[in-house]
Protein backbone atom coordinates (compact mmCIF):
# COMPACT_ATOMS: atom_id res chain seq x y z
CA MET A 1 5.85 -6.70 23.60
CA LYS A 2 3.21 -9.81 24.30
CA SER A 3 1.74 -12.29 22.03
CA ALA A 4 -1.92 -13.96 23.59
CA ALA A 5 -0.19 -16.22 25.38
CA GLU A 6 2.81 -13.99 27.47
CA ALA A 7 0.37 -11.77 28.04
CA GLU A 8 -2.64 -13.97 29.10
CA ALA A 9 -0.15 -16.07 31.68
CA ALA A 10 1.01 -12.38 32.71
CA ILE A 11 -2.36 -11.35 33.93
CA LYS A 12 -3.12 -14.09 35.77
CA GLU A 13 0.10 -13.28 37.54
CA LEU A 14 -0.86 -9.57 38.43
CA GLU A 15 -2.82 -9.96 42.66
CA TYR A 16 -6.14 -9.63 41.92
CA PRO A 17 -7.66 -7.88 45.29
CA SER A 18 -8.68 -10.28 48.15
CA GLY A 19 -9.45 -10.49 51.45
CA GLU A 20 -9.90 -8.73 54.41
CA MET A 21 -8.97 -5.01 53.99
CA THR A 22 -10.17 -2.06 54.55
CA ARG A 23 -12.56 0.00 51.33
CA ASP A 24 -9.63 2.23 50.46
CA GLU A 25 -7.09 -0.77 50.11
CA ARG A 26 -9.43 -2.88 47.99
CA VAL A 27 -9.88 0.43 45.83
CA ALA A 28 -6.11 0.86 45.75
CA LYS A 29 -5.11 -2.69 45.14
CA HIS A 30 -8.17 -2.80 42.49
CA GLU A 31 -6.53 0.19 40.10
CA GLU A 32 -3.31 -1.47 40.62
CA TYR A 33 -4.97 -4.63 39.02
CA ARG A 34 -6.76 -2.32 36.16
CA ALA A 35 -3.63 -0.44 35.28
CA GLY A 36 -1.81 -3.77 35.31
CA VAL A 37 -4.46 -5.47 33.14
CA ALA A 38 -4.31 -2.19 30.75
CA ARG A 39 -0.26 -2.43 30.48
CA ILE A 40 -0.03 -6.45 29.22
CA ASN A 41 -3.06 -4.62 26.82
CA LEU A 42 -1.02 -2.42 25.34
CA GLU A 43 1.42 -4.48 25.33
CA PHE A 44 -0.47 -7.30 23.50
CA ARG A 45 -1.50 -4.25 21.20
CA ALA A 46 1.81 -3.51 20.15
CA TYR A 47 2.82 -6.94 19.42
CA VAL A 48 -0.02 -8.04 16.77
CA GLU A 49 0.20 -4.22 14.87
CA HIS A 50 3.87 -5.30 14.81
CA VAL A 51 2.81 -9.06 13.72
CA TYR A 52 0.39 -7.59 10.79
CA ALA A 53 2.42 -4.77 9.81
CA THR A 54 0.29 -2.67 10.55
CA SER A 55 2.24 0.83 11.40
CA SER A 56 1.66 2.45 7.79
CA LEU A 57 -2.46 2.62 8.85
CA SER A 58 -3.40 5.67 9.84
CA ARG A 59 -3.74 5.53 14.32
CA SER A 60 -7.40 6.11 13.79
CA VAL A 61 -7.67 3.35 11.15
CA ARG A 62 -5.25 0.98 13.44
CA ASP A 63 -8.16 1.93 16.24
CA ALA A 64 -11.20 0.99 14.65
CA LEU A 65 -9.49 -2.28 13.72
CA TRP A 66 -8.26 -3.24 17.39
CA GLN A 67 -11.22 -1.99 18.25
CA LYS A 68 -13.83 -4.58 16.24
CA ALA A 69 -11.58 -7.41 16.92
CA TRP A 70 -10.67 -6.49 20.84
CA ASP A 71 -15.32 -6.00 21.00
CA ASP A 72 -15.37 -9.39 18.65
CA GLY A 73 -12.81 -11.54 20.47
CA HIS A 74 -11.85 -10.50 24.19
CA SER A 75 -14.67 -12.95 25.29
CA ASN A 76 -12.65 -16.04 24.25
CA GLY A 77 -9.33 -14.82 25.01
CA LEU A 78 -6.38 -12.51 23.40
CA ARG A 79 -5.91 -15.46 20.87
CA GLU A 80 -9.33 -14.53 19.60
CA VAL A 81 -8.39 -10.79 19.41
CA GLU A 82 -5.46 -11.80 17.15
CA LEU A 83 -7.89 -14.00 15.08
CA HIS A 84 -10.71 -11.64 14.27
CA TYR A 85 -7.34 -8.60 13.90
CA GLU A 86 -6.22 -10.48 11.25
CA ASP A 87 -9.34 -11.33 8.99
CA ILE A 88 -10.10 -7.79 9.34
CA VAL A 89 -6.36 -5.91 8.35
CA ASP A 90 -6.64 -8.43 5.24
CA ILE A 91 -10.43 -7.11 4.10
CA VAL A 92 -8.56 -3.41 5.23
CA ARG A 93 -5.44 -4.02 2.67
CA LEU A 94 -7.55 -5.86 -0.06
CA ALA A 95 -9.77 -2.43 -0.17
CA ILE A 96 -6.55 -0.68 0.13
CA LYS A 97 -5.65 -2.52 -3.35
CA GLU A 98 -8.23 -2.05 -5.06
CA SER A 99 -8.91 1.35 -4.31
CA ARG A 100 -5.29 2.20 -5.63
C-alpha cells in the first residue's frame, strides 16, 4: 500500500515514453507506463481504504466513494483525492449511523 506521497514519487520514477522509437515501440512503452500508473493507483486506493477503515462498506459503496473522490481531487494530486475521500466517508458514516 502506498500513501499519496509514496504513490506520486513512484509515478515520477516510471519511464514515460519519449525520444526516438518506432510507433510500435512507443505504443508498447505507453501501455507499460499506463499499467504502472494503474498499479500504483490501486495500491494508493488500498492504502486509503485501509486508513479510513472502509472495508466494512459494500464494494459498490467503496467504488462510488472512490470515484467521487477521484473525480473531485485527482487534478490537484493524490493527497487531494484522499482529502475528498475522507470528507465523503464522514458523510456516509453519519448517514449509516443515523439510519439505524
